[in-house]
């Protein structure tokens, strides 16, 4: 098998080629990749302070989703769970991007460079002076691991 065909086969994922997005809640990366959410009945109530996702349980009651979920789809848009909230995803080639907040834990200064230590690791900028409690950055979804970086 040629190397380029192996590379291309990595992106033979249903969600990347879907003509129709299936609405519902993805409990895992695998459900997302296959465009097959396991929970079909949900209601999302976005707010400025908090976004709440409700799902319908087997007994018919609506509950706030407290379990770990990967994300959800309303049939047109995909929303990913990051930092205990949901943010819209945008397909870009063979992956998805989100604009989401990074909550900074601390800042280390190395001369003119500042390294921001976050829950997911760190990143360094040259000549950065401003520090916000919350920074909005673009994350890319790793289609193999389900992690955002």
Protein backbone atom coordinates (compact mmCIF):
# COMPACT_ATOMS: atom_id res chain seq x y z
CA UNK A 1 0.00 0.00 0.00
CA UNK A 2 1.37 3.39 -0.95
CA UNK A 3 2.08 5.97 1.75
CA UNK A 4 -0.23 8.56 0.18
CA UNK A 5 -3.18 6.14 0.18
CA UNK A 6 -2.55 5.33 3.85
CA UNK A 7 -2.52 9.05 4.60
CA UNK A 8 -5.76 9.67 2.67
CA UNK A 9 -7.49 6.71 4.33
CA UNK A 10 -7.01 8.38 7.74
CA UNK A 11 -9.54 10.98 6.64
CA UNK A 12 -12.12 8.56 5.29
CA UNK A 13 -14.31 9.49 8.26
CA UNK A 14 -18.11 9.81 7.87
CA UNK A 15 -18.37 13.21 9.63
CA UNK A 16 -15.85 14.75 7.22
CA UNK A 17 -17.86 13.64 4.19
CA UNK A 18 -21.39 13.97 5.61
CA UNK A 19 -23.96 15.67 3.41
CA UNK A 20 -26.36 15.72 6.37
CA UNK A 21 -25.37 16.19 10.01
CA UNK A 22 -27.35 13.96 12.36
CA UNK A 23 -28.83 15.91 15.29
CA UNK A 24 -28.17 14.71 18.83
CA UNK A 25 -25.54 14.40 21.53
CA UNK A 26 -22.18 12.71 20.92
CA UNK A 27 -20.96 10.93 24.02
CA UNK A 28 -17.63 10.05 22.44
CA UNK A 29 -15.24 10.96 19.64
CA UNK A 30 -16.20 7.74 17.86
CA UNK A 31 -19.88 8.76 17.78
CA UNK A 32 -18.83 12.14 16.39
CA UNK A 33 -16.56 10.62 13.74
CA UNK A 34 -19.35 8.31 12.61
CA UNK A 35 -21.98 11.11 12.61
CA UNK A 36 -24.09 8.91 14.91
CA UNK A 37 -25.04 10.64 18.17
CA UNK A 38 -26.32 8.18 20.77
CA UNK A 39 -28.78 10.66 22.32
CA UNK A 40 -31.26 12.10 19.85
CA UNK A 41 -33.43 14.17 22.18
CA UNK A 42 -31.72 17.24 23.54
CA UNK A 43 -32.36 20.92 24.11
CA UNK A 44 -29.65 23.52 24.34
CA UNK A 45 -30.19 26.78 26.21
CA UNK A 46 -27.28 29.16 25.61
CA UNK A 47 -26.80 32.05 28.02
CA UNK A 48 -24.13 34.69 28.49
CA UNK A 49 -22.96 33.16 31.77
CA UNK A 50 -23.49 29.44 31.15
CA UNK A 51 -24.64 27.11 28.39
CA UNK A 52 -26.94 24.33 29.53
CA UNK A 53 -27.57 21.16 27.56
CA UNK A 54 -30.66 19.14 28.51
CA UNK A 55 -31.18 15.56 27.43
CA UNK A 56 -34.23 13.37 27.69
CA UNK A 57 -33.70 10.31 29.86
CA UNK A 58 -35.27 6.90 29.26
CA UNK A 59 -37.99 7.71 31.80
CA UNK A 60 -39.02 10.73 29.68
CA UNK A 61 -37.72 13.38 32.09
CA UNK A 62 -35.51 16.23 30.88
CA UNK A 63 -32.28 16.60 32.87
CA UNK A 64 -29.23 18.82 32.75
CA UNK A 65 -26.51 16.78 31.08
CA UNK A 66 -23.91 16.21 33.75
CA UNK A 67 -22.15 13.27 32.17
CA UNK A 68 -19.14 13.70 29.97
CA UNK A 69 -20.16 14.46 26.43
CA UNK A 70 -17.98 15.14 23.42
CA UNK A 71 -20.41 17.56 21.81
CA UNK A 72 -23.74 17.84 20.07
CA UNK A 73 -25.29 18.74 16.75
CA UNK A 74 -28.50 20.65 16.06
CA UNK A 75 -28.70 19.30 12.50
CA UNK A 76 -26.86 22.28 11.00
CA UNK A 77 -24.07 23.12 13.45
CA UNK A 78 -21.74 21.08 15.62
CA UNK A 79 -20.91 22.22 19.15
CA UNK A 80 -17.92 20.84 21.08
CA UNK A 81 -17.57 20.66 24.85
CA UNK A 82 -14.51 22.60 26.01
CA UNK A 83 -13.87 23.87 29.56
CA UNK A 84 -17.34 22.78 30.74
CA UNK A 85 -19.19 24.74 28.06
CA UNK A 86 -20.06 24.34 24.39
CA UNK A 87 -18.53 26.16 21.45
CA UNK A 88 -19.39 25.94 17.73
CA UNK A 89 -17.11 23.94 15.47
CA UNK A 90 -16.25 24.79 11.89
CA UNK A 91 -15.01 22.21 9.43
CA UNK A 92 -11.74 23.21 7.86
CA UNK A 93 -10.43 20.60 5.44
CA UNK A 94 -9.99 17.31 7.28
CA UNK A 95 -10.56 18.66 10.77
CA UNK A 96 -12.71 21.01 12.83
CA UNK A 97 -11.77 24.30 14.45
CA UNK A 98 -13.31 26.04 17.46
CA UNK A 99 -12.79 29.45 19.00
CA UNK A 100 -12.84 28.84 22.73
CA UNK A 101 -11.54 30.38 25.96
CA UNK A 102 -8.33 29.31 27.59
CA UNK A 103 -8.33 29.88 31.31
CA UNK A 104 -4.83 30.90 32.26
CA UNK A 105 -3.36 29.46 35.44
CA UNK A 106 -0.18 31.53 35.60
CA UNK A 107 2.31 33.45 33.49
CA UNK A 108 6.06 32.93 33.37
CA UNK A 109 8.35 35.57 31.90
CA UNK A 110 11.57 34.72 30.07
CA UNK A 111 13.05 38.06 28.95
CA UNK A 112 10.70 39.46 26.33
CA UNK A 113 8.86 36.17 25.89
CA UNK A 114 5.92 35.13 28.03
CA UNK A 115 4.81 31.55 28.42
CA UNK A 116 1.21 31.02 29.41
CA UNK A 117 0.70 27.83 31.36
CA UNK A 118 -2.78 26.42 30.81
CA UNK A 119 -4.62 23.27 31.75
CA UNK A 120 -3.67 21.78 28.38
CA UNK A 121 0.03 22.72 28.44
CA UNK A 122 1.69 25.96 27.49
CA UNK A 123 2.39 28.23 24.59
CA UNK A 124 4.88 31.06 24.10
CA UNK A 125 4.51 34.44 22.43
CA UNK A 126 7.25 36.97 21.74
CA UNK A 127 6.84 40.53 23.05
CA UNK A 128 3.43 39.91 24.60
CA UNK A 129 2.54 42.46 27.26
CA UNK A 130 -1.17 42.06 27.94
CA UNK A 131 -2.51 39.22 30.03
CA UNK A 132 -6.21 38.51 30.24
CA UNK A 133 -7.93 36.16 32.64
CA UNK A 134 -9.57 34.59 29.62
CA UNK A 135 -8.11 34.43 26.13
CA UNK A 136 -10.06 33.35 23.06
CA UNK A 137 -7.92 31.15 20.88
CA UNK A 138 -8.47 28.87 17.92
CA UNK A 139 -8.25 25.17 18.70
CA UNK A 140 -7.93 22.42 16.13
CA UNK A 141 -9.44 18.99 16.68
CA UNK A 142 -7.03 16.08 16.36
CA UNK A 143 -9.19 13.65 14.37
CA UNK A 144 -7.23 10.67 15.73
CA UNK A 145 -7.33 11.43 19.46
CA UNK A 146 -10.30 13.77 19.91
CA UNK A 147 -8.11 16.30 21.71
CA UNK A 148 -8.07 20.00 20.92
CA UNK A 149 -4.77 21.81 20.56
